[in-house]
Amino acid sequence: MKRVKNRNRWKLAILAALTLSFVSVAAHEEGHEAPGQMPPVGPHGGEYTRLTHHYGEAVITGNQVMVYILEKDVKHVAEDATGVSLEYQIPGAGKKPVVLSKKGDGYSGSIDVPSTTRRLNLFIECTLDGKKEKGSLIYEIKR
């Protein structure tokens, strides 16, 4: 009789421990973000990189590239960016400049990338608040 009671106590203890562990994991995974954590993609759905003091985001669709210069919070477009330029490089080849023109909040340009290319190195430069800023990122092309 004692064995049955002890066995039931162990089962209850294990069940309680498992329940508490699941509850603590569920509460922890509730979408709380750590302070200073950056979003996985930019506000326009592209990949972004840190410039000197701001951020640059690139979105590639087919042969078109859109570049956005973002504020330090990565949520808003920097309105006062000037001299925005972009160069791209296919791994193993040289850099090629992209002619950009202002389009809405960003800068639009055309690139010539072979269909077999999966990755591009992008180099973004601009002037903000009278200071030159530049950065680079590796863009994974989704096809």
N, C-alpha and C. Protein backbone atom coordinates (compact mmCIF):
# COMPACT_ATOMS: atom_id res chain seq x y z
N MET A 1 0.81 -1.18 0.00
CA MET A 1 0.00 0.00 0.00
C MET A 1 0.86 1.26 0.00
N LYS A 2 1.96 1.23 0.78
CA LYS A 2 2.85 2.39 0.83
C LYS A 2 3.50 2.65 -0.53
N ARG A 3 3.84 1.58 -1.23
CA ARG A 3 4.46 1.75 -2.55
C ARG A 3 3.54 2.50 -3.51
N VAL A 4 2.28 2.19 -3.50
CA VAL A 4 1.31 2.83 -4.38
C VAL A 4 1.22 4.31 -4.05
N LYS A 5 1.19 4.68 -2.78
CA LYS A 5 1.11 6.08 -2.39
C LYS A 5 2.37 6.84 -2.81
N ASN A 6 3.53 6.24 -2.58
CA ASN A 6 4.80 6.88 -2.98
C ASN A 6 4.88 7.05 -4.49
N ARG A 7 4.43 6.06 -5.24
CA ARG A 7 4.45 6.13 -6.69
C ARG A 7 3.53 7.26 -7.17
N ASN A 8 2.37 7.39 -6.56
CA ASN A 8 1.45 8.47 -6.93
C ASN A 8 2.04 9.83 -6.59
N ARG A 9 2.74 9.94 -5.47
CA ARG A 9 3.37 11.20 -5.10
C ARG A 9 4.43 11.60 -6.13
N TRP A 10 5.22 10.63 -6.57
CA TRP A 10 6.25 10.91 -7.58
C TRP A 10 5.61 11.35 -8.90
N LYS A 11 4.55 10.70 -9.29
CA LYS A 11 3.85 11.08 -10.51
C LYS A 11 3.32 12.50 -10.41
N LEU A 12 2.72 12.84 -9.25
CA LEU A 12 2.20 14.19 -9.05
C LEU A 12 3.33 15.23 -9.06
N ALA A 13 4.47 14.89 -8.45
CA ALA A 13 5.61 15.81 -8.41
C ALA A 13 6.16 16.05 -9.82
N ILE A 14 6.29 15.00 -10.60
CA ILE A 14 6.79 15.13 -11.97
C ILE A 14 5.80 15.91 -12.82
N LEU A 15 4.52 15.62 -12.67
CA LEU A 15 3.49 16.34 -13.41
C LEU A 15 3.48 17.83 -13.05
N ALA A 16 3.63 18.15 -11.79
CA ALA A 16 3.68 19.55 -11.35
C ALA A 16 4.91 20.25 -11.92
N ALA A 17 6.05 19.58 -11.90
CA ALA A 17 7.28 20.18 -12.43
C ALA A 17 7.16 20.45 -13.93
N LEU A 18 6.62 19.50 -14.68
CA LEU A 18 6.43 19.69 -16.12
C LEU A 18 5.45 20.83 -16.40
N THR A 19 4.38 20.89 -15.65
CA THR A 19 3.40 21.96 -15.84
C THR A 19 4.01 23.32 -15.58
N LEU A 20 4.78 23.44 -14.50
CA LEU A 20 5.44 24.71 -14.20
C LEU A 20 6.45 25.11 -15.27
N SER A 21 7.18 24.13 -15.80
CA SER A 21 8.17 24.46 -16.84
C SER A 21 7.48 24.93 -18.12
N PHE A 22 6.37 24.31 -18.50
CA PHE A 22 5.65 24.74 -19.70
C PHE A 22 5.05 26.13 -19.52
N VAL A 23 4.52 26.40 -18.33
CA VAL A 23 3.94 27.71 -18.06
C VAL A 23 5.00 28.79 -18.12
N SER A 24 6.18 28.53 -17.56
CA SER A 24 7.24 29.54 -17.58
C SER A 24 7.76 29.78 -19.00
N VAL A 25 7.86 28.75 -19.81
CA VAL A 25 8.30 28.91 -21.20
C VAL A 25 7.26 29.69 -21.99
N ALA A 26 6.00 29.38 -21.81
CA ALA A 26 4.93 30.08 -22.54
C ALA A 26 4.90 31.55 -22.17
N ALA A 27 5.10 31.87 -20.91
CA ALA A 27 5.09 33.27 -20.49
C ALA A 27 6.31 34.00 -21.02
N HIS A 28 7.44 33.32 -21.12
CA HIS A 28 8.66 33.96 -21.61
C HIS A 28 8.60 34.22 -23.11
N GLU A 29 7.97 33.36 -23.87
CA GLU A 29 7.93 33.46 -25.33
C GLU A 29 6.75 34.29 -25.82
N GLU A 30 6.23 35.17 -25.01
CA GLU A 30 5.01 35.88 -25.34
C GLU A 30 5.23 37.09 -26.23
N GLY A 31 6.38 37.22 -26.86
CA GLY A 31 6.61 38.33 -27.76
C GLY A 31 7.29 39.51 -27.12
N HIS A 32 7.82 39.35 -25.95
CA HIS A 32 8.54 40.44 -25.31
C HIS A 32 9.86 40.64 -26.03
N GLU A 33 10.14 41.87 -26.38
CA GLU A 33 11.39 42.17 -27.07
C GLU A 33 12.38 42.77 -26.09
N ALA A 34 13.62 42.38 -26.23
CA ALA A 34 14.66 42.95 -25.40
C ALA A 34 14.89 44.40 -25.83
N PRO A 35 15.20 45.28 -24.90
CA PRO A 35 15.47 46.67 -25.28
C PRO A 35 16.64 46.74 -26.25
N GLY A 36 16.48 47.54 -27.29
CA GLY A 36 17.56 47.70 -28.26
C GLY A 36 17.60 46.63 -29.34
N GLN A 37 16.69 45.67 -29.30
CA GLN A 37 16.67 44.61 -30.30
C GLN A 37 16.16 45.17 -31.62
N MET A 38 16.85 44.84 -32.72
CA MET A 38 16.51 45.36 -34.04
C MET A 38 15.54 44.41 -34.74
N PRO A 39 14.62 44.94 -35.54
CA PRO A 39 13.71 44.07 -36.29
C PRO A 39 14.48 43.27 -37.35
N PRO A 40 13.97 42.09 -37.74
CA PRO A 40 14.69 41.26 -38.71
C PRO A 40 14.75 41.85 -40.12
N VAL A 41 13.76 42.64 -40.50
CA VAL A 41 13.76 43.30 -41.81
C VAL A 41 13.41 44.77 -41.62
N GLY A 42 13.74 45.56 -42.63
CA GLY A 42 13.45 46.99 -42.58
C GLY A 42 11.97 47.27 -42.74
N PRO A 43 11.55 48.51 -42.57
CA PRO A 43 10.13 48.85 -42.66
C PRO A 43 9.53 48.65 -44.05
N HIS A 44 10.35 48.56 -45.08
CA HIS A 44 9.86 48.35 -46.44
C HIS A 44 10.03 46.90 -46.88
N GLY A 45 10.41 46.02 -45.94
CA GLY A 45 10.55 44.60 -46.23
C GLY A 45 11.90 44.20 -46.78
N GLY A 46 12.87 45.09 -46.78
CA GLY A 46 14.19 44.78 -47.31
C GLY A 46 15.21 44.52 -46.21
N GLU A 47 16.42 44.28 -46.64
CA GLU A 47 17.52 44.08 -45.72
C GLU A 47 18.18 45.43 -45.47
N TYR A 48 18.67 45.64 -44.27
CA TYR A 48 19.24 46.94 -43.95
C TYR A 48 20.58 46.78 -43.25
N THR A 49 21.33 47.87 -43.25
CA THR A 49 22.65 47.87 -42.63
C THR A 49 22.86 49.17 -41.88
N ARG A 50 23.77 49.14 -40.97
CA ARG A 50 24.12 50.34 -40.21
C ARG A 50 25.07 51.18 -41.04
N LEU A 51 24.72 52.44 -41.22
CA LEU A 51 25.64 53.41 -41.80
C LEU A 51 26.42 54.00 -40.62
N THR A 52 27.08 55.11 -40.79
CA THR A 52 27.84 55.67 -39.69
C THR A 52 26.94 55.99 -38.49
N HIS A 53 25.85 56.71 -38.72
CA HIS A 53 24.94 57.07 -37.63
C HIS A 53 23.49 56.69 -37.90
N HIS A 54 23.15 56.38 -39.11
CA HIS A 54 21.78 56.03 -39.50
C HIS A 54 21.79 54.62 -40.09
N TYR A 55 20.73 54.28 -40.82
CA TYR A 55 20.63 52.96 -41.45
C TYR A 55 20.26 53.11 -42.92
N GLY A 56 20.68 52.15 -43.73
CA GLY A 56 20.32 52.10 -45.13
C GLY A 56 19.61 50.79 -45.42
N GLU A 57 18.49 50.85 -46.13
CA GLU A 57 17.71 49.66 -46.46
C GLU A 57 17.66 49.50 -47.97
N ALA A 58 17.77 48.27 -48.43
CA ALA A 58 17.68 47.98 -49.86
C ALA A 58 16.60 46.92 -50.09
N VAL A 59 15.80 47.16 -51.13
CA VAL A 59 14.77 46.21 -51.54
C VAL A 59 14.97 45.96 -53.03
N ILE A 60 15.20 44.70 -53.40
CA ILE A 60 15.42 44.35 -54.81
C ILE A 60 14.23 43.53 -55.30
N THR A 61 13.63 43.99 -56.40
CA THR A 61 12.53 43.29 -57.04
C THR A 61 12.85 43.20 -58.52
N GLY A 62 13.19 42.00 -58.97
CA GLY A 62 13.59 41.83 -60.37
C GLY A 62 14.87 42.60 -60.65
N ASN A 63 14.80 43.55 -61.60
CA ASN A 63 15.97 44.38 -61.95
C ASN A 63 15.95 45.72 -61.23
N GLN A 64 14.93 45.97 -60.44
CA GLN A 64 14.80 47.27 -59.76
C GLN A 64 15.30 47.18 -58.32
N VAL A 65 15.98 48.20 -57.90
CA VAL A 65 16.43 48.30 -56.52
C VAL A 65 15.91 49.61 -55.94
N MET A 66 15.41 49.54 -54.72
CA MET A 66 14.98 50.73 -53.98
C MET A 66 15.88 50.85 -52.76
N VAL A 67 16.38 52.06 -52.53
CA VAL A 67 17.23 52.33 -51.38
C VAL A 67 16.53 53.35 -50.51
N TYR A 68 16.47 53.07 -49.22
CA TYR A 68 15.87 53.97 -48.25
C TYR A 68 16.92 54.30 -47.19
N ILE A 69 17.05 55.56 -46.86
CA ILE A 69 17.92 55.98 -45.77
C ILE A 69 17.01 56.16 -44.56
N LEU A 70 17.28 55.42 -43.49
CA LEU A 70 16.40 55.39 -42.32
C LEU A 70 17.00 56.14 -41.14
N GLU A 71 16.12 56.63 -40.30
CA GLU A 71 16.54 57.28 -39.07
C GLU A 71 17.14 56.25 -38.12
N LYS A 72 17.64 56.71 -37.00
CA LYS A 72 18.31 55.84 -36.04
C LYS A 72 17.37 54.81 -35.42
N ASP A 73 16.06 55.06 -35.45
CA ASP A 73 15.10 54.11 -34.88
C ASP A 73 14.69 53.02 -35.88
N VAL A 74 15.15 53.09 -37.10
CA VAL A 74 14.89 52.14 -38.20
C VAL A 74 13.41 52.08 -38.57
N LYS A 75 12.61 53.02 -38.12
CA LYS A 75 11.18 53.00 -38.44
C LYS A 75 10.79 54.10 -39.40
N HIS A 76 11.57 55.17 -39.49
CA HIS A 76 11.20 56.31 -40.31
C HIS A 76 12.29 56.62 -41.33
N VAL A 77 11.86 57.16 -42.46
CA VAL A 77 12.79 57.54 -43.52
C VAL A 77 13.41 58.88 -43.17
N ALA A 78 14.72 58.99 -43.37
CA ALA A 78 15.41 60.26 -43.12
C ALA A 78 15.12 61.19 -44.30
N GLU A 79 14.43 62.27 -44.05
CA GLU A 79 13.99 63.19 -45.11
C GLU A 79 15.13 64.03 -45.68
N ASP A 80 16.15 64.29 -44.87
CA ASP A 80 17.20 65.23 -45.28
C ASP A 80 18.44 64.56 -45.86
N ALA A 81 18.34 63.32 -46.33
CA ALA A 81 19.49 62.64 -46.93
C ALA A 81 19.76 63.21 -48.32
N THR A 82 21.03 63.49 -48.61
CA THR A 82 21.42 63.99 -49.92
C THR A 82 22.58 63.15 -50.44
N GLY A 83 22.82 63.24 -51.72
CA GLY A 83 23.95 62.54 -52.32
C GLY A 83 23.92 61.04 -52.12
N VAL A 84 22.73 60.44 -52.19
CA VAL A 84 22.59 59.00 -51.98
C VAL A 84 23.16 58.27 -53.20
N SER A 85 24.06 57.34 -52.94
CA SER A 85 24.63 56.56 -54.04
C SER A 85 24.68 55.08 -53.64
N LEU A 86 24.67 54.23 -54.66
CA LEU A 86 24.67 52.78 -54.45
C LEU A 86 25.60 52.14 -55.46
N GLU A 87 26.39 51.20 -55.00
CA GLU A 87 27.20 50.35 -55.87
C GLU A 87 26.87 48.91 -55.49
N TYR A 88 26.90 48.03 -56.47
CA TYR A 88 26.68 46.62 -56.17
C TYR A 88 27.81 45.80 -56.75
N GLN A 89 28.01 44.64 -56.16
CA GLN A 89 29.09 43.76 -56.59
C GLN A 89 28.59 42.32 -56.53
N ILE A 90 28.71 41.64 -57.65
CA ILE A 90 28.45 40.21 -57.69
C ILE A 90 29.73 39.55 -57.17
N PRO A 91 29.63 38.61 -56.23
CA PRO A 91 30.85 38.00 -55.70
C PRO A 91 31.76 37.49 -56.82
N GLY A 92 33.01 37.89 -56.76
CA GLY A 92 33.99 37.50 -57.76
C GLY A 92 34.12 38.49 -58.90
N ALA A 93 33.33 39.55 -58.91
CA ALA A 93 33.39 40.56 -59.97
C ALA A 93 33.65 41.92 -59.33
N GLY A 94 33.80 42.94 -60.17
CA GLY A 94 34.06 44.29 -59.67
C GLY A 94 32.79 45.03 -59.30
N LYS A 95 32.94 46.15 -58.63
CA LYS A 95 31.81 46.99 -58.25
C LYS A 95 31.22 47.70 -59.47
N LYS A 96 29.90 47.84 -59.47
CA LYS A 96 29.22 48.58 -60.54
C LYS A 96 28.33 49.63 -59.89
N PRO A 97 28.40 50.88 -60.37
CA PRO A 97 27.54 51.92 -59.79
C PRO A 97 26.11 51.80 -60.31
N VAL A 98 25.17 52.29 -59.51
CA VAL A 98 23.76 52.31 -59.88
C VAL A 98 23.32 53.77 -59.93
N VAL A 99 22.66 54.13 -61.03
CA VAL A 99 22.13 55.49 -61.16
C VAL A 99 20.79 55.52 -60.40
N LEU A 100 20.72 56.34 -59.36
CA LEU A 100 19.53 56.42 -58.53
C LEU A 100 18.76 57.70 -58.81
N SER A 101 17.44 57.61 -58.73
CA SER A 101 16.58 58.79 -58.83
C SER A 101 15.57 58.74 -57.69
N LYS A 102 15.21 59.90 -57.20
CA LYS A 102 14.26 60.00 -56.08
C LYS A 102 12.90 59.47 -56.51
N LYS A 103 12.32 58.59 -55.69
CA LYS A 103 11.01 58.02 -55.98
C LYS A 103 10.28 57.81 -54.66
N GLY A 104 9.34 58.68 -54.35
CA GLY A 104 8.62 58.58 -53.08
C GLY A 104 9.55 58.86 -51.92
N ASP A 105 9.58 57.95 -50.97
CA ASP A 105 10.45 58.08 -49.80
C ASP A 105 11.88 57.60 -50.05
N GLY A 106 12.09 56.89 -51.16
CA GLY A 106 13.39 56.28 -51.40
C GLY A 106 14.00 56.70 -52.71
N TYR A 107 14.97 55.91 -53.13
CA TYR A 107 15.71 56.16 -54.37
C TYR A 107 15.67 54.88 -55.18
N SER A 108 15.28 55.02 -56.45
CA SER A 108 15.09 53.87 -57.32
C SER A 108 16.21 53.80 -58.36
N GLY A 109 16.59 52.59 -58.71
CA GLY A 109 17.59 52.38 -59.74
C GLY A 109 17.42 51.02 -60.37
N SER A 110 18.16 50.80 -61.44
CA SER A 110 18.09 49.54 -62.17
C SER A 110 19.43 48.83 -62.08
N ILE A 111 19.41 47.53 -61.87
CA ILE A 111 20.64 46.74 -61.80
C ILE A 111 20.55 45.62 -62.81
N ASP A 112 21.71 45.14 -63.23
CA ASP A 112 21.80 44.05 -64.20
C ASP A 112 22.45 42.86 -63.50
N VAL A 113 21.61 41.94 -63.05
CA VAL A 113 22.09 40.79 -62.29
C VAL A 113 21.68 39.52 -63.01
N PRO A 114 22.63 38.62 -63.29
CA PRO A 114 22.26 37.35 -63.92
C PRO A 114 21.30 36.54 -63.05
N SER A 115 20.46 35.74 -63.69
CA SER A 115 19.45 34.98 -62.95
C SER A 115 20.06 33.92 -62.03
N THR A 116 21.32 33.57 -62.26
CA THR A 116 21.97 32.57 -61.41
C THR A 116 22.55 33.17 -60.14
N THR A 117 22.57 34.48 -60.04
CA THR A 117 23.14 35.14 -58.87
C THR A 117 22.17 35.06 -57.70
N ARG A 118 22.67 34.64 -56.56
CA ARG A 118 21.85 34.51 -55.35
C ARG A 118 22.20 35.55 -54.29
N ARG A 119 23.37 36.18 -54.45
CA ARG A 119 23.84 37.10 -53.41
C ARG A 119 24.54 38.28 -54.05
N LEU A 120 24.29 39.47 -53.50
CA LEU A 120 24.94 40.70 -53.95
C LEU A 120 25.55 41.42 -52.75
N ASN A 121 26.67 42.06 -52.98
CA ASN A 121 27.23 42.97 -52.00
C ASN A 121 26.78 44.37 -52.40
N LEU A 122 26.13 45.08 -51.48
CA LEU A 122 25.65 46.43 -51.76
C LEU A 122 26.42 47.42 -50.90
N PHE A 123 26.78 48.55 -51.49
CA PHE A 123 27.53 49.61 -50.81
C PHE A 123 26.72 50.89 -50.92
N ILE A 124 26.24 51.39 -49.79
CA ILE A 124 25.38 52.57 -49.74
C ILE A 124 26.15 53.74 -49.15
N GLU A 125 26.05 54.90 -49.78
CA GLU A 125 26.65 56.13 -49.25
C GLU A 125 25.64 57.25 -49.35
N CYS A 126 25.72 58.20 -48.40
CA CYS A 126 24.86 59.38 -48.44
C CYS A 126 25.46 60.45 -47.53
N THR A 127 24.85 61.61 -47.56
CA THR A 127 25.24 62.70 -46.67
C THR A 127 24.01 63.07 -45.85
N LEU A 128 24.17 63.07 -44.54
CA LEU A 128 23.10 63.43 -43.61
C LEU A 128 23.65 64.38 -42.57
N ASP A 129 22.94 65.45 -42.34
CA ASP A 129 23.36 66.46 -41.36
C ASP A 129 24.77 66.96 -41.65
N GLY A 130 25.14 67.05 -42.93
CA GLY A 130 26.45 67.54 -43.32
C GLY A 130 27.58 66.55 -43.14
N LYS A 131 27.26 65.29 -42.78
CA LYS A 131 28.29 64.27 -42.55
C LYS A 131 28.10 63.13 -43.54
N LYS A 132 29.22 62.65 -44.09
CA LYS A 132 29.17 61.50 -45.00
C LYS A 132 28.93 60.23 -44.19
N GLU A 133 28.05 59.40 -44.70
CA GLU A 133 27.77 58.11 -44.07
C GLU A 133 27.85 57.02 -45.12
N LYS A 134 28.36 55.87 -44.73
CA LYS A 134 28.43 54.75 -45.67
C LYS A 134 28.34 53.44 -44.92
N GLY A 135 27.90 52.43 -45.65
CA GLY A 135 27.77 51.09 -45.09
C GLY A 135 27.63 50.08 -46.21
N SER A 136 27.76 48.82 -45.87
CA SER A 136 27.61 47.76 -46.87
C SER A 136 26.79 46.63 -46.29
N LEU A 137 26.17 45.87 -47.16
CA LEU A 137 25.41 44.72 -46.72
C LEU A 137 25.44 43.64 -47.79
N ILE A 138 25.20 42.43 -47.36
CA ILE A 138 25.09 41.30 -48.28
C ILE A 138 23.60 41.03 -48.45
N TYR A 139 23.13 41.14 -49.68
CA TYR A 139 21.71 40.99 -49.98
C TYR A 139 21.47 39.60 -50.58
N GLU A 140 20.61 38.83 -49.93
CA GLU A 140 20.23 37.51 -50.44
C GLU A 140 19.04 37.69 -51.38
N ILE A 141 19.21 37.36 -52.66
CA ILE A 141 18.14 37.53 -53.65
C ILE A 141 17.17 36.38 -53.55
N LYS A 142 15.90 36.70 -53.39
CA LYS A 142 14.84 35.69 -53.29
C LYS A 142 14.22 35.51 -54.67
N ARG A 143 14.33 34.34 -55.22
CA ARG A 143 13.75 34.07 -56.55
C ARG A 143 12.80 32.93 -56.48
